[in-house]
Amino acid sequence: MKTLLKTIIGLGILGASVLSADANFAKCTACHGANGEKKALGKSQVIQGWKAEKTLAALKGYKDGTFGGPMKGVMKGQVAKLNEADMKALAKHIEGLK
């Protein structure tokens, strides 16, 4: 019974992470495209398929103001409410985009 309960809780956490990544990436699609295939407003890099580590570093940098080019101000606002788990899930999601 304890193993079943642990499995159910684990799947719930995993499911919440996936939903969180999808919901958070939905905010990105207006500028980056449905699969991260666009240069945001013609000024950013294409993020499609970026390694999770690269994306996570960029998101953290946008959040603390140490990363970014022309879209730095816009991105700082976009990531302001993301916590560490959100950023990790979002980075993993972007890594899988093709």
N, C-alpha and C. Protein backbone atom coordinates (compact mmCIF):
# COMPACT_ATOMS: atom_id res chain seq x y z
N MET A 1 0.82 -1.19 0.00
CA MET A 1 0.00 0.00 0.00
C MET A 1 0.86 1.26 0.00
N LYS A 2 1.96 1.26 0.79
CA LYS A 2 2.83 2.44 0.85
C LYS A 2 3.50 2.67 -0.49
N THR A 3 3.88 1.59 -1.17
CA THR A 3 4.52 1.72 -2.47
C THR A 3 3.55 2.31 -3.48
N LEU A 4 2.32 1.87 -3.45
CA LEU A 4 1.30 2.40 -4.35
C LEU A 4 1.08 3.89 -4.09
N LEU A 5 1.01 4.26 -2.83
CA LEU A 5 0.82 5.66 -2.47
C LEU A 5 2.00 6.51 -2.95
N LYS A 6 3.22 6.02 -2.76
CA LYS A 6 4.40 6.74 -3.22
C LYS A 6 4.38 6.89 -4.74
N THR A 7 3.97 5.86 -5.44
CA THR A 7 3.89 5.91 -6.90
C THR A 7 2.87 6.94 -7.35
N ILE A 8 1.72 6.95 -6.72
CA ILE A 8 0.67 7.90 -7.08
C ILE A 8 1.14 9.34 -6.83
N ILE A 9 1.78 9.56 -5.69
CA ILE A 9 2.28 10.90 -5.37
C ILE A 9 3.35 11.31 -6.38
N GLY A 10 4.25 10.39 -6.70
CA GLY A 10 5.31 10.68 -7.68
C GLY A 10 4.74 11.04 -9.05
N LEU A 11 3.75 10.29 -9.49
CA LEU A 11 3.13 10.58 -10.78
C LEU A 11 2.41 11.92 -10.75
N GLY A 12 1.81 12.24 -9.62
CA GLY A 12 1.15 13.54 -9.49
C GLY A 12 2.12 14.69 -9.59
N ILE A 13 3.27 14.55 -8.96
CA ILE A 13 4.30 15.58 -9.03
C ILE A 13 4.82 15.70 -10.46
N LEU A 14 5.10 14.57 -11.10
CA LEU A 14 5.57 14.57 -12.48
C LEU A 14 4.53 15.22 -13.39
N GLY A 15 3.28 14.88 -13.22
CA GLY A 15 2.22 15.46 -14.03
C GLY A 15 2.10 16.96 -13.83
N ALA A 16 2.26 17.41 -12.60
CA ALA A 16 2.20 18.85 -12.32
C ALA A 16 3.36 19.57 -13.00
N SER A 17 4.53 18.96 -13.03
CA SER A 17 5.69 19.57 -13.69
C SER A 17 5.44 19.71 -15.19
N VAL A 18 4.89 18.68 -15.80
CA VAL A 18 4.61 18.71 -17.23
C VAL A 18 3.56 19.77 -17.54
N LEU A 19 2.51 19.83 -16.74
CA LEU A 19 1.48 20.84 -16.95
C LEU A 19 2.05 22.24 -16.75
N SER A 20 2.91 22.39 -15.76
CA SER A 20 3.53 23.68 -15.49
C SER A 20 4.38 24.11 -16.68
N ALA A 21 5.17 23.20 -17.23
CA ALA A 21 6.03 23.53 -18.37
C ALA A 21 5.18 23.92 -19.58
N ASP A 22 4.12 23.17 -19.83
CA ASP A 22 3.25 23.49 -20.96
C ASP A 22 2.59 24.85 -20.77
N ALA A 23 2.11 25.12 -19.57
CA ALA A 23 1.45 26.41 -19.28
C ALA A 23 2.46 27.55 -19.39
N ASN A 24 3.65 27.34 -18.86
CA ASN A 24 4.67 28.39 -18.93
C ASN A 24 5.15 28.60 -20.36
N PHE A 25 5.31 27.53 -21.14
CA PHE A 25 5.75 27.70 -22.52
C PHE A 25 4.68 28.36 -23.37
N ALA A 26 3.42 28.19 -23.02
CA ALA A 26 2.34 28.85 -23.77
C ALA A 26 2.56 30.36 -23.81
N LYS A 27 3.15 30.91 -22.74
CA LYS A 27 3.44 32.34 -22.70
C LYS A 27 4.56 32.71 -23.69
N CYS A 28 5.40 31.75 -24.01
CA CYS A 28 6.56 31.99 -24.88
C CYS A 28 6.19 31.98 -26.37
N THR A 29 5.12 31.28 -26.70
CA THR A 29 4.81 31.01 -28.10
C THR A 29 4.48 32.25 -28.92
N ALA A 30 3.96 33.28 -28.30
CA ALA A 30 3.62 34.49 -29.05
C ALA A 30 4.85 35.07 -29.75
N CYS A 31 5.99 35.01 -29.10
CA CYS A 31 7.22 35.56 -29.68
C CYS A 31 8.13 34.50 -30.28
N HIS A 32 8.23 33.33 -29.62
CA HIS A 32 9.18 32.30 -30.04
C HIS A 32 8.58 31.25 -30.97
N GLY A 33 7.26 31.27 -31.16
CA GLY A 33 6.61 30.27 -32.00
C GLY A 33 6.21 29.04 -31.21
N ALA A 34 5.30 28.27 -31.77
CA ALA A 34 4.75 27.09 -31.10
C ALA A 34 5.80 26.06 -30.74
N ASN A 35 6.89 26.03 -31.50
CA ASN A 35 7.96 25.06 -31.24
C ASN A 35 9.30 25.74 -31.00
N GLY A 36 9.27 27.00 -30.61
CA GLY A 36 10.50 27.73 -30.34
C GLY A 36 11.33 27.99 -31.59
N GLU A 37 10.68 27.96 -32.75
CA GLU A 37 11.38 28.03 -34.04
C GLU A 37 11.62 29.44 -34.56
N LYS A 38 11.12 30.44 -33.86
CA LYS A 38 11.23 31.82 -34.35
C LYS A 38 12.22 32.64 -33.52
N LYS A 39 12.81 33.64 -34.16
CA LYS A 39 13.58 34.64 -33.44
C LYS A 39 12.54 35.60 -32.87
N ALA A 40 12.48 35.73 -31.57
CA ALA A 40 11.47 36.58 -30.94
C ALA A 40 11.60 38.01 -31.43
N LEU A 41 10.54 38.49 -32.04
CA LEU A 41 10.49 39.84 -32.61
C LEU A 41 11.69 40.11 -33.53
N GLY A 42 12.21 39.05 -34.12
CA GLY A 42 13.34 39.14 -35.04
C GLY A 42 14.66 39.51 -34.37
N LYS A 43 14.71 39.45 -33.04
CA LYS A 43 15.90 39.93 -32.32
C LYS A 43 16.61 38.85 -31.50
N SER A 44 15.97 37.77 -31.19
CA SER A 44 16.58 36.77 -30.30
C SER A 44 17.12 35.59 -31.12
N GLN A 45 17.72 34.67 -30.42
CA GLN A 45 18.12 33.42 -31.04
C GLN A 45 16.90 32.49 -31.11
N VAL A 46 16.94 31.54 -32.02
CA VAL A 46 15.93 30.48 -32.04
C VAL A 46 16.25 29.58 -30.86
N ILE A 47 15.27 29.31 -30.01
CA ILE A 47 15.51 28.52 -28.80
C ILE A 47 15.16 27.04 -28.96
N GLN A 48 14.57 26.69 -30.07
CA GLN A 48 14.14 25.31 -30.32
C GLN A 48 15.29 24.33 -30.10
N GLY A 49 15.08 23.35 -29.21
CA GLY A 49 16.05 22.30 -28.98
C GLY A 49 17.27 22.69 -28.16
N TRP A 50 17.28 23.88 -27.58
CA TRP A 50 18.40 24.26 -26.72
C TRP A 50 18.55 23.22 -25.62
N LYS A 51 19.77 22.92 -25.23
CA LYS A 51 20.02 22.04 -24.09
C LYS A 51 19.40 22.66 -22.84
N ALA A 52 18.88 21.81 -21.98
CA ALA A 52 18.20 22.29 -20.77
C ALA A 52 19.12 23.17 -19.93
N GLU A 53 20.39 22.82 -19.85
CA GLU A 53 21.33 23.59 -19.03
C GLU A 53 21.49 25.01 -19.58
N LYS A 54 21.54 25.13 -20.90
CA LYS A 54 21.68 26.45 -21.53
C LYS A 54 20.43 27.30 -21.28
N THR A 55 19.28 26.69 -21.45
CA THR A 55 18.02 27.42 -21.24
C THR A 55 17.88 27.82 -19.78
N LEU A 56 18.19 26.91 -18.87
CA LEU A 56 18.08 27.22 -17.45
C LEU A 56 19.00 28.38 -17.07
N ALA A 57 20.21 28.35 -17.57
CA ALA A 57 21.15 29.45 -17.30
C ALA A 57 20.61 30.77 -17.84
N ALA A 58 20.04 30.74 -19.04
CA ALA A 58 19.47 31.95 -19.64
C ALA A 58 18.29 32.46 -18.81
N LEU A 59 17.39 31.56 -18.42
CA LEU A 59 16.22 31.97 -17.63
C LEU A 59 16.64 32.58 -16.29
N LYS A 60 17.60 31.94 -15.62
CA LYS A 60 18.09 32.47 -14.35
C LYS A 60 18.75 33.83 -14.57
N GLY A 61 19.51 33.95 -15.65
CA GLY A 61 20.17 35.21 -15.96
C GLY A 61 19.19 36.32 -16.28
N TYR A 62 18.14 36.00 -17.02
CA TYR A 62 17.10 37.00 -17.27
C TYR A 62 16.47 37.44 -15.95
N LYS A 63 16.20 36.46 -15.10
CA LYS A 63 15.54 36.77 -13.84
C LYS A 63 16.39 37.67 -12.94
N ASP A 64 17.70 37.40 -12.87
CA ASP A 64 18.55 38.22 -12.00
C ASP A 64 19.22 39.39 -12.72
N GLY A 65 18.94 39.53 -14.03
CA GLY A 65 19.43 40.68 -14.78
C GLY A 65 20.85 40.56 -15.33
N THR A 66 21.44 39.34 -15.27
CA THR A 66 22.81 39.16 -15.72
C THR A 66 22.93 38.62 -17.14
N PHE A 67 21.81 38.39 -17.81
CA PHE A 67 21.83 37.79 -19.15
C PHE A 67 20.87 38.54 -20.05
N GLY A 68 21.23 38.61 -21.32
CA GLY A 68 20.26 39.10 -22.30
C GLY A 68 20.79 40.19 -23.18
N GLY A 69 20.17 40.27 -24.32
CA GLY A 69 20.49 41.28 -25.31
C GLY A 69 19.34 42.27 -25.40
N PRO A 70 18.91 42.55 -26.63
CA PRO A 70 17.88 43.56 -26.86
C PRO A 70 16.54 43.28 -26.15
N MET A 71 16.26 42.01 -25.88
CA MET A 71 14.97 41.66 -25.28
C MET A 71 15.07 41.43 -23.77
N LYS A 72 16.18 41.84 -23.18
CA LYS A 72 16.44 41.60 -21.76
C LYS A 72 15.29 42.10 -20.87
N GLY A 73 14.82 43.30 -21.10
CA GLY A 73 13.74 43.86 -20.28
C GLY A 73 12.45 43.09 -20.39
N VAL A 74 12.11 42.68 -21.60
CA VAL A 74 10.88 41.90 -21.82
C VAL A 74 10.99 40.55 -21.12
N MET A 75 12.14 39.91 -21.29
CA MET A 75 12.31 38.57 -20.71
C MET A 75 12.37 38.62 -19.18
N LYS A 76 12.94 39.66 -18.62
CA LYS A 76 12.98 39.78 -17.16
C LYS A 76 11.55 39.74 -16.60
N GLY A 77 10.64 40.43 -17.25
CA GLY A 77 9.24 40.40 -16.83
C GLY A 77 8.60 39.04 -17.03
N GLN A 78 8.97 38.35 -18.10
CA GLN A 78 8.38 37.04 -18.39
C GLN A 78 8.78 35.99 -17.36
N VAL A 79 10.00 36.06 -16.85
CA VAL A 79 10.48 35.03 -15.93
C VAL A 79 10.33 35.42 -14.47
N ALA A 80 9.88 36.63 -14.20
CA ALA A 80 9.83 37.14 -12.83
C ALA A 80 9.09 36.22 -11.86
N LYS A 81 8.01 35.61 -12.29
CA LYS A 81 7.20 34.78 -11.40
C LYS A 81 7.57 33.30 -11.42
N LEU A 82 8.55 32.92 -12.25
CA LEU A 82 8.94 31.51 -12.32
C LEU A 82 9.84 31.15 -11.14
N ASN A 83 9.57 30.02 -10.52
CA ASN A 83 10.46 29.53 -9.48
C ASN A 83 11.45 28.54 -10.11
N GLU A 84 12.34 28.01 -9.31
CA GLU A 84 13.38 27.10 -9.79
C GLU A 84 12.77 25.89 -10.51
N ALA A 85 11.75 25.29 -9.91
CA ALA A 85 11.11 24.11 -10.51
C ALA A 85 10.46 24.47 -11.84
N ASP A 86 9.82 25.61 -11.92
CA ASP A 86 9.20 26.06 -13.17
C ASP A 86 10.26 26.22 -14.26
N MET A 87 11.37 26.85 -13.89
CA MET A 87 12.43 27.08 -14.88
C MET A 87 13.04 25.78 -15.36
N LYS A 88 13.23 24.83 -14.45
CA LYS A 88 13.79 23.53 -14.84
C LYS A 88 12.84 22.79 -15.77
N ALA A 89 11.55 22.80 -15.44
CA ALA A 89 10.56 22.12 -16.28
C ALA A 89 10.48 22.79 -17.65
N LEU A 90 10.51 24.10 -17.68
CA LEU A 90 10.45 24.84 -18.93
C LEU A 90 11.70 24.56 -19.78
N ALA A 91 12.87 24.51 -19.15
CA ALA A 91 14.11 24.22 -19.87
C ALA A 91 14.07 22.83 -20.48
N LYS A 92 13.57 21.87 -19.74
CA LYS A 92 13.46 20.50 -20.24
C LYS A 92 12.48 20.44 -21.41
N HIS A 93 11.39 21.18 -21.30
CA HIS A 93 10.40 21.24 -22.38
C HIS A 93 11.02 21.80 -23.67
N ILE A 94 11.75 22.89 -23.54
CA ILE A 94 12.38 23.52 -24.70
C ILE A 94 13.41 22.59 -25.34
N GLU A 95 14.12 21.84 -24.51
CA GLU A 95 15.11 20.89 -25.03
C GLU A 95 14.46 19.86 -25.96
N GLY A 96 13.23 19.50 -25.67
CA GLY A 96 12.53 18.50 -26.47
C GLY A 96 11.82 19.03 -27.71
N LEU A 97 11.85 20.32 -27.93
CA LEU A 97 11.16 20.90 -29.09
C LEU A 97 11.90 20.61 -30.38
N LYS A 98 11.14 20.25 -31.41
CA LYS A 98 11.71 19.97 -32.73
C LYS A 98 10.89 20.60 -33.80
